[in-house]
Protein backbone atom coordinates (compact mmCIF):
# COMPACT_ATOMS: atom_id res chain seq x y z
CA UNK A 1 5.37 -6.79 -13.88
CA UNK A 2 6.75 -5.67 -17.17
CA UNK A 3 8.32 -2.24 -17.47
CA UNK A 4 8.39 -0.09 -20.57
CA UNK A 5 11.71 0.62 -22.26
CA UNK A 6 11.20 4.32 -21.01
CA UNK A 7 10.48 3.20 -17.37
CA UNK A 8 13.65 1.09 -17.62
CA UNK A 9 15.85 3.95 -18.83
CA UNK A 10 14.56 6.06 -15.94
CA UNK A 11 15.49 3.28 -13.40
CA UNK A 12 18.93 3.17 -14.84
CA UNK A 13 19.36 6.97 -14.63
CA UNK A 14 18.14 6.89 -10.92
CA UNK A 15 20.64 4.08 -10.29
CA UNK A 16 23.47 6.06 -11.92
CA UNK A 17 22.28 9.09 -9.67
CA UNK A 18 22.49 7.08 -6.60
CA UNK A 19 26.01 5.80 -7.30
CA UNK A 20 27.17 9.13 -8.41
CA UNK A 21 25.95 10.73 -5.15
CA UNK A 22 27.31 8.15 -2.81
CA UNK A 23 30.78 7.73 -1.36
CA UNK A 24 30.29 3.97 -1.25
CA UNK A 25 27.76 1.25 -2.01
CA UNK A 26 27.21 -2.32 -0.66
CA UNK A 27 25.42 -5.14 -2.51
CA UNK A 28 23.59 -7.59 -0.17
CA UNK A 29 21.58 -10.64 -1.23
CA UNK A 30 18.30 -11.47 0.59
CA UNK A 31 16.39 -14.58 1.14
CA UNK A 32 12.81 -14.74 2.64
CA UNK A 33 12.69 -11.04 3.08
CA UNK A 34 9.48 -9.57 4.56
CA UNK A 35 8.41 -5.98 4.71
CA UNK A 36 9.12 -5.60 8.40
CA UNK A 37 12.69 -6.55 7.78
CA UNK A 38 13.23 -4.02 4.77
CA UNK A 39 11.39 -1.38 6.80
CA UNK A 40 13.67 -1.86 9.70
CA UNK A 41 16.73 -1.89 7.47
CA UNK A 42 15.62 1.40 5.70
CA UNK A 43 15.04 3.10 9.01
CA UNK A 44 18.54 2.34 10.32
CA UNK A 45 20.14 3.39 7.11
CA UNK A 46 18.25 6.72 7.23
CA UNK A 47 19.74 7.37 10.67
CA UNK A 48 23.21 7.33 9.07
CA UNK A 49 22.47 9.41 5.93
CA UNK A 50 22.12 6.17 3.72
CA UNK A 51 19.46 4.45 1.74
CA UNK A 52 18.65 0.84 0.85
CA UNK A 53 17.06 -0.16 -2.41
CA UNK A 54 16.01 -3.39 -4.10
CA UNK A 55 17.15 -3.05 -7.71
CA UNK A 56 16.67 -4.77 -10.83
CA UNK A 57 19.82 -6.91 -11.29
CA UNK A 58 19.97 -6.40 -15.11
CA UNK A 59 19.63 -2.75 -15.08
CA UNK A 60 22.01 -2.15 -12.21
CA UNK A 61 24.51 -4.48 -13.92
CA UNK A 62 24.33 -1.89 -16.95
CA UNK A 63 25.38 1.04 -14.52
CA UNK A 64 28.24 -1.12 -13.17
CA UNK A 65 29.42 -1.84 -16.68
CA UNK A 66 29.18 1.83 -17.61
CA UNK A 67 31.42 2.62 -14.68
CA UNK A 68 33.94 -0.22 -15.34
CA UNK A 69 33.30 -1.79 -11.94
CA UNK A 70 34.23 -5.52 -11.78
CA UNK A 71 32.20 -8.31 -10.50
CA UNK A 72 32.27 -12.24 -10.95
CA UNK A 73 30.32 -13.87 -13.63
CA UNK A 74 26.91 -15.20 -12.38
CA UNK A 75 27.05 -12.46 -9.54
CA UNK A 76 23.66 -11.08 -10.53
CA UNK A 77 21.65 -14.38 -10.40
CA UNK A 78 20.54 -13.89 -6.73
CA UNK A 79 18.05 -11.38 -5.33
CA UNK A 80 20.08 -8.14 -4.51
CA UNK A 81 19.55 -4.96 -2.74
CA UNK A 82 22.00 -1.99 -2.57
CA UNK A 83 22.93 0.20 0.40
CA UNK A 84 24.17 3.60 -0.59
CA UNK A 85 26.44 5.62 1.73
CA UNK A 86 25.77 9.30 0.94
CA UNK A 87 28.07 10.90 3.62
CA UNK A 88 29.69 8.36 6.11
CA UNK A 89 30.68 5.12 4.52
CA UNK A 90 31.94 3.39 7.77
CA UNK A 91 28.50 4.15 9.54
CA UNK A 92 26.68 2.75 6.72
CA UNK A 93 28.93 -0.40 6.73
CA UNK A 94 28.29 -0.77 10.35
CA UNK A 95 24.43 -0.74 9.71
CA UNK A 96 25.03 -3.22 6.78
CA UNK A 97 27.09 -5.43 8.96
CA UNK A 98 24.49 -5.38 11.69
CA UNK A 99 21.50 -6.25 9.45
CA UNK A 100 23.54 -9.03 7.75
CA UNK A 101 23.68 -10.76 11.23
CA UNK A 102 20.00 -11.87 10.64
CA UNK A 103 19.28 -14.79 8.29
CA UNK A 104 17.63 -12.54 5.74
CA UNK A 105 20.55 -10.36 4.46
CA UNK A 106 24.07 -11.52 3.45
CA UNK A 107 26.85 -9.05 2.43
CA UNK A 108 27.97 -9.90 -1.11
CA UNK A 109 30.30 -6.91 -2.36
CA UNK A 110 31.06 -3.33 -1.87
CA UNK A 111 32.47 -0.61 -3.80
CA UNK A 112 34.33 2.45 -2.51
CA UNK A 113 36.41 5.03 -4.66
CA UNK A 114 35.54 2.60 -7.61
CA UNK A 115 37.44 -0.38 -5.78
CA UNK A 116 35.77 -3.64 -4.87
CA UNK A 117 35.45 -4.52 -1.26
CA UNK A 118 35.05 -8.05 -0.21
CA UNK A 119 32.51 -8.96 2.64
CA UNK A 120 35.46 -8.90 5.06
CA UNK A 121 36.49 -5.54 3.91
CA UNK A 122 33.05 -4.23 4.47
CA UNK A 123 33.24 -5.78 8.03
CA UNK A 124 36.68 -4.09 8.61
CA UNK A 125 35.26 -0.86 7.48
CA UNK A 126 32.40 -1.13 9.73
CA UNK A 127 34.89 -1.65 12.72
CA UNK A 128 36.50 1.78 12.13
CA UNK A 129 35.92 4.43 14.75
CA UNK A 130 33.29 7.07 14.06
CA UNK A 131 34.45 10.23 12.35
CA UNK A 132 34.47 12.36 15.57
CA UNK A 133 36.41 9.70 17.37
CA UNK A 134 39.00 9.73 14.52
CA UNK A 135 39.22 13.43 14.51
CA UNK A 136 39.97 13.38 18.23
CA UNK A 137 42.60 10.63 17.94
CA UNK A 138 44.20 12.89 15.12
CA UNK A 139 43.96 15.93 17.13
CA UNK A 140 45.50 14.29 20.09
CA UNK A 141 48.37 12.98 18.10
CA UNK A 142 49.14 16.38 16.52
CA UNK A 143 48.77 18.26 19.80
CA UNK A 144 51.02 15.77 21.62
CA UNK A 145 53.79 16.44 19.06
CA UNK A 146 53.32 20.18 19.42
CA UNK A 147 53.30 20.11 23.09
CA UNK A 148 56.57 18.02 23.16
CA UNK A 149 58.15 20.53 20.78
CA UNK A 150 57.24 23.47 23.01
CA UNK A 151 58.43 21.79 26.07
CA UNK A 152 61.76 20.89 24.41
CA UNK A 153 62.25 24.47 23.05
CA UNK A 154 61.41 26.12 26.50
CA UNK A 155 63.62 23.68 28.54
CA UNK A 156 66.98 25.58 28.17
CA UNK A 157 65.36 28.98 29.01
CA UNK A 158 63.74 27.39 32.19
CA UNK A 159 66.98 25.82 33.10
CA UNK A 160 68.70 29.21 32.58
CA UNK A 161 66.21 30.87 34.61
CA UNK A 162 66.52 28.25 37.46
CA UNK A 163 70.36 29.01 37.58
CA UNK A 164 69.90 32.77 37.81
CA UNK A 165 67.34 32.44 40.49
CA UNK A 166 69.55 30.13 42.42
CA UNK A 167 72.43 32.64 42.02
CA UNK A 168 70.20 35.47 43.19
CA UNK A 169 68.94 33.65 46.25
CA UNK A 170 72.46 32.61 47.17
CA UNK A 171 73.63 36.15 46.82
CA UNK A 172 70.76 37.38 49.11
CA UNK A 173 71.55 34.72 51.73
CA UNK A 174 75.11 35.74 51.88
């Protein structure tokens, strides 16, 4: 199906909008993709505030060139779809990794903060704990230090109080 120049320009603008509004995006190739597979992938992506779109390679390459993002020559010769993470990149990476376990999708590349992520990096990102768990770990670490500091500061006063109490009890016993 041929697109007019105006339609292509609109597509490029839409791609730029998706890239600008996302924290990260992940490029996957697909083989023998049927509508049930893409519908299932889209449903899983929506659950984590992400989207997945089949893109026109030549037009998406223009967006990447405008942004100065690097990729290998011949990269855009396969069928590609892009997963966009609009809020939580590790959660979207988990979904991408999960759907890539099928024989339909294959992780090719990711970009986060204008830095390329190899497929291994995307899988490592997917293994990170969720945001609430990370906050809990961080809070626990901070609280442990604060609790230890309070105990250290209170120990001399507690020792002094114990000595005074012992003298007072000794005096009452005599």
